[in-house]
N, C-alpha and C. Protein backbone atom coordinates (compact mmCIF):
# COMPACT_ATOMS: atom_id res chain seq x y z
N MET A 1 0.66 -1.21 -0.03
CA MET A 1 -0.06 0.08 0.04
C MET A 1 0.98 1.37 0.04
N SER A 2 0.72 2.14 -0.97
CA SER A 2 1.61 3.27 -1.07
C SER A 2 0.77 4.49 -0.42
N LYS A 3 1.51 5.41 0.27
CA LYS A 3 1.04 6.54 0.83
C LYS A 3 0.78 7.63 -0.25
N SER A 4 -0.15 8.18 -0.54
CA SER A 4 -0.23 9.34 -1.41
C SER A 4 -0.26 10.59 -0.74
N LYS A 5 0.46 11.61 -1.31
CA LYS A 5 0.42 13.01 -0.68
C LYS A 5 -0.87 13.67 -0.99
N THR A 6 -1.34 14.39 0.05
CA THR A 6 -2.65 15.25 -0.10
C THR A 6 -2.30 16.41 -0.74
N GLU A 7 -2.95 16.73 -1.97
CA GLU A 7 -2.64 17.90 -2.83
C GLU A 7 -3.56 19.04 -2.35
N PHE A 8 -4.73 18.74 -1.92
CA PHE A 8 -5.62 19.68 -1.74
C PHE A 8 -6.86 19.13 -0.82
N HIS A 9 -7.52 20.17 -0.21
CA HIS A 9 -8.73 19.82 0.58
C HIS A 9 -9.78 20.87 0.06
N LEU A 10 -11.10 20.71 0.53
CA LEU A 10 -12.08 21.58 0.07
C LEU A 10 -12.69 22.37 1.34
N ASP A 11 -12.82 23.66 1.14
CA ASP A 11 -13.10 24.43 2.29
C ASP A 11 -14.80 24.48 2.47
N ILE A 12 -15.28 25.37 3.20
CA ILE A 12 -16.69 25.34 3.66
C ILE A 12 -17.46 25.85 2.19
N LEU A 13 -16.75 26.48 1.40
CA LEU A 13 -17.35 26.97 0.17
C LEU A 13 -17.11 25.96 -1.03
N GLU A 14 -16.57 24.91 -0.71
CA GLU A 14 -16.16 23.88 -1.69
C GLU A 14 -15.01 24.39 -2.68
N GLN A 15 -14.24 25.33 -2.24
CA GLN A 15 -13.08 25.95 -2.90
C GLN A 15 -11.81 25.01 -2.50
N GLU A 16 -10.88 24.87 -3.50
CA GLU A 16 -9.65 24.11 -3.12
C GLU A 16 -8.81 24.81 -2.30
N ILE A 17 -8.26 24.11 -1.08
CA ILE A 17 -7.31 24.59 -0.27
C ILE A 17 -5.92 23.95 -0.62
N ARG A 18 -5.05 24.70 -1.00
CA ARG A 18 -3.63 24.11 -1.35
C ARG A 18 -2.66 24.78 -0.56
N HIS A 19 -1.47 24.25 -0.61
CA HIS A 19 -0.23 24.61 0.17
C HIS A 19 0.07 26.17 -0.32
N GLY A 20 0.10 27.08 0.61
CA GLY A 20 0.37 28.53 0.28
C GLY A 20 -0.94 29.40 0.09
N SER A 21 -2.05 28.67 0.15
CA SER A 21 -3.43 29.54 -0.01
C SER A 21 -3.61 30.39 1.30
N PHE A 22 -4.11 31.62 1.02
CA PHE A 22 -4.53 32.44 2.09
C PHE A 22 -6.09 32.11 2.52
N VAL A 23 -6.25 31.77 3.94
CA VAL A 23 -7.48 31.31 4.38
C VAL A 23 -7.91 32.21 5.64
N VAL A 24 -9.08 32.29 6.04
CA VAL A 24 -9.62 32.78 7.10
C VAL A 24 -9.89 31.54 8.12
N ALA A 25 -9.16 31.72 9.35
CA ALA A 25 -9.45 30.69 10.26
C ALA A 25 -9.80 31.29 11.64
N ASN A 26 -10.60 30.66 12.53
CA ASN A 26 -10.97 31.02 13.72
C ASN A 26 -9.84 30.56 14.73
N TYR A 27 -9.35 31.34 15.47
CA TYR A 27 -8.39 31.05 16.68
C TYR A 27 -9.45 30.96 17.88
N TYR A 28 -8.57 31.02 19.04
CA TYR A 28 -9.22 30.71 20.28
C TYR A 28 -10.47 31.83 20.52
N ASN A 29 -11.43 31.37 21.07
CA ASN A 29 -12.61 32.23 21.40
C ASN A 29 -13.29 33.05 20.23
N GLY A 30 -13.16 32.43 19.03
CA GLY A 30 -13.85 33.10 17.85
C GLY A 30 -12.92 34.19 17.17
N ASP A 31 -11.78 34.31 17.65
CA ASP A 31 -10.80 35.26 16.99
C ASP A 31 -10.41 35.05 15.61
N LEU A 32 -10.98 35.69 14.59
CA LEU A 32 -10.66 35.35 13.11
C LEU A 32 -9.28 35.89 12.73
N GLN A 33 -8.52 34.99 12.22
CA GLN A 33 -7.17 35.42 11.81
C GLN A 33 -6.86 35.09 10.18
N VAL A 34 -6.32 36.02 9.61
CA VAL A 34 -5.76 35.62 8.22
C VAL A 34 -4.60 34.73 8.43
N CYS A 35 -4.58 33.60 7.68
CA CYS A 35 -3.47 32.75 7.75
C CYS A 35 -3.18 32.24 6.41
N ILE A 36 -1.89 31.48 6.33
CA ILE A 36 -1.55 30.94 5.09
C ILE A 36 -1.28 29.39 5.40
N VAL A 37 -1.68 28.58 4.49
CA VAL A 37 -1.58 27.17 4.63
C VAL A 37 -0.23 26.73 4.70
N ASP A 38 0.30 26.20 5.78
CA ASP A 38 1.78 25.69 5.85
C ASP A 38 1.83 24.33 5.30
N SER A 39 1.05 23.28 5.61
CA SER A 39 1.11 22.00 5.09
C SER A 39 -0.37 21.32 5.13
N LEU A 40 -0.47 20.26 4.40
CA LEU A 40 -1.75 19.49 4.36
C LEU A 40 -1.40 18.14 4.87
N THR A 41 -2.22 17.73 5.74
CA THR A 41 -2.30 16.23 6.07
C THR A 41 -3.42 15.54 5.46
N PRO A 42 -3.45 14.20 5.52
CA PRO A 42 -4.78 13.50 4.99
C PRO A 42 -6.04 14.02 5.42
N LYS A 43 -6.17 14.42 6.73
CA LYS A 43 -7.45 14.76 7.26
C LYS A 43 -7.62 16.23 7.64
N MET A 44 -6.50 17.05 7.92
CA MET A 44 -6.46 18.26 8.41
C MET A 44 -5.49 19.22 7.71
N VAL A 45 -5.60 20.52 7.99
CA VAL A 45 -4.69 21.51 7.36
C VAL A 45 -4.00 22.15 8.52
N LYS A 46 -2.66 22.43 8.30
CA LYS A 46 -1.91 23.24 9.23
C LYS A 46 -1.73 24.59 8.51
N VAL A 47 -2.24 25.66 9.38
CA VAL A 47 -2.25 27.06 8.99
C VAL A 47 -1.30 27.71 10.03
N LYS A 48 -0.80 28.92 9.40
CA LYS A 48 0.07 29.79 10.26
C LYS A 48 -0.37 31.24 10.08
N ARG A 49 -0.61 31.80 11.35
CA ARG A 49 -1.04 33.23 11.28
C ARG A 49 0.00 34.08 10.60
N ILE A 50 -0.51 35.02 9.91
CA ILE A 50 0.55 35.88 9.23
C ILE A 50 0.70 37.23 9.81
N LEU A 51 -0.33 37.69 10.65
CA LEU A 51 -0.41 38.72 11.50
C LEU A 51 -0.32 38.59 12.95
N ALA A 52 0.65 37.83 13.35
CA ALA A 52 0.67 37.54 14.77
C ALA A 52 1.14 38.66 15.58
N ASN A 53 0.24 39.23 16.38
CA ASN A 53 0.53 40.46 17.27
C ASN A 53 0.93 39.97 18.79
N SER A 54 0.90 38.66 18.95
CA SER A 54 1.12 38.13 20.25
C SER A 54 1.69 36.86 20.32
N ASN A 55 2.63 36.55 21.19
CA ASN A 55 3.24 35.12 21.30
C ASN A 55 2.54 34.34 22.22
N PHE A 56 1.29 34.73 22.64
CA PHE A 56 0.51 33.95 23.58
C PHE A 56 -0.03 32.82 23.02
N TYR A 57 -0.62 32.82 21.74
CA TYR A 57 -1.17 31.79 21.02
C TYR A 57 -0.04 31.11 20.06
N PRO A 58 -0.07 29.91 19.74
CA PRO A 58 0.85 29.24 18.82
C PRO A 58 0.59 29.87 17.53
N LYS A 59 1.65 29.98 16.61
CA LYS A 59 1.60 30.41 15.29
C LYS A 59 1.08 29.40 14.42
N LEU A 60 1.25 28.32 14.69
CA LEU A 60 0.97 27.15 13.83
C LEU A 60 -0.20 26.26 14.32
N LYS A 61 -1.36 26.11 13.74
CA LYS A 61 -2.42 25.52 14.35
C LYS A 61 -3.03 24.29 13.22
N THR A 62 -3.50 23.28 13.69
CA THR A 62 -4.14 22.30 12.83
C THR A 62 -5.68 22.45 12.84
N LYS A 63 -6.22 22.70 11.57
CA LYS A 63 -7.66 22.88 11.49
C LYS A 63 -8.26 21.88 10.69
N TYR A 64 -9.56 21.67 10.70
CA TYR A 64 -10.30 20.90 9.70
C TYR A 64 -10.57 21.71 8.63
N PRO A 65 -10.60 21.14 7.31
CA PRO A 65 -10.83 21.98 6.24
C PRO A 65 -12.05 22.73 6.20
N LYS A 66 -13.19 22.11 6.69
CA LYS A 66 -14.50 22.82 6.76
C LYS A 66 -14.65 23.97 7.69
N ASP A 67 -13.55 24.14 8.47
CA ASP A 67 -13.58 25.28 9.33
C ASP A 67 -12.82 26.50 8.76
N LEU A 68 -12.37 26.47 7.45
CA LEU A 68 -11.38 27.42 6.86
C LEU A 68 -12.27 27.91 5.57
N CYS A 69 -11.95 29.15 5.13
CA CYS A 69 -12.46 29.74 4.08
C CYS A 69 -11.41 30.48 3.31
N VAL A 70 -11.15 29.96 2.01
CA VAL A 70 -9.99 30.56 1.02
C VAL A 70 -10.67 31.89 0.77
N ILE A 71 -9.61 32.95 0.86
CA ILE A 71 -10.18 34.35 0.47
C ILE A 71 -9.60 34.80 -0.71
N ASN A 72 -9.61 33.96 -1.91
CA ASN A 72 -9.17 34.47 -3.23
C ASN A 72 -10.30 34.77 -4.01
N ASN A 73 -11.54 34.28 -3.58
CA ASN A 73 -12.70 34.57 -4.55
C ASN A 73 -13.73 35.07 -3.71
N SER A 74 -13.97 36.55 -4.04
CA SER A 74 -15.03 37.22 -3.19
C SER A 74 -16.39 36.93 -3.71
N ASP A 75 -16.66 36.38 -4.86
CA ASP A 75 -17.95 36.14 -5.30
C ASP A 75 -18.54 34.89 -4.55
N ALA A 76 -17.73 34.02 -4.28
CA ALA A 76 -18.23 32.75 -3.60
C ALA A 76 -18.57 33.04 -2.25
N ILE A 77 -17.77 33.85 -1.58
CA ILE A 77 -18.04 34.40 -0.15
C ILE A 77 -19.32 35.20 -0.09
N THR A 78 -19.51 36.16 -1.19
CA THR A 78 -20.79 36.78 -1.03
C THR A 78 -21.89 35.97 -1.25
N MET A 79 -21.83 34.87 -2.29
CA MET A 79 -23.04 34.02 -2.45
C MET A 79 -23.35 33.13 -1.15
N PHE A 80 -22.25 32.68 -0.49
CA PHE A 80 -22.43 32.00 0.77
C PHE A 80 -23.24 32.87 1.92
N ILE A 81 -22.80 34.07 2.01
CA ILE A 81 -23.36 35.00 2.91
C ILE A 81 -24.84 35.06 2.59
N LEU A 82 -25.15 35.37 1.33
CA LEU A 82 -26.53 35.67 0.94
C LEU A 82 -27.40 34.30 1.03
N LYS A 83 -26.80 33.25 0.78
CA LYS A 83 -27.49 32.00 0.85
C LYS A 83 -27.89 31.63 2.31
N ASN A 84 -27.05 31.91 3.21
CA ASN A 84 -27.08 31.47 4.57
C ASN A 84 -27.61 32.59 5.47
N ALA A 85 -27.86 33.79 4.91
CA ALA A 85 -28.42 34.86 5.77
C ALA A 85 -29.74 34.43 6.43
N GLY A 86 -29.74 34.67 7.68
CA GLY A 86 -30.89 34.56 8.44
C GLY A 86 -31.00 33.06 9.03
N LYS A 87 -30.18 32.22 8.78
CA LYS A 87 -30.24 30.74 9.20
C LYS A 87 -30.08 30.80 10.70
N ASN A 88 -29.20 31.62 11.26
CA ASN A 88 -28.81 31.81 12.72
C ASN A 88 -29.35 32.80 13.25
N ALA A 89 -30.26 33.46 12.54
CA ALA A 89 -31.06 34.62 13.23
C ALA A 89 -32.02 34.25 14.31
N ARG A 90 -32.04 35.10 15.36
CA ARG A 90 -33.03 34.74 16.41
C ARG A 90 -34.13 35.64 16.50
């Protein structure tokens, strides 16, 4: 059985996440950070914060692909917001 290297994952908008992609990821307590993809594992994505203003949190974090959003296509993000607007409204 040969191990194949993971080339990409799909984010919440079904966009490809590749090594070097810019993504938005939530850090502790819902803190959104702009990150760059450092590496891919078969199940998860390792991201690195690019605007680290503190050394309190680790700069490298492993996230599930569905918890990320690639920020290279603004049309897909706008359609996702319009489609899901009001789903979590109280």
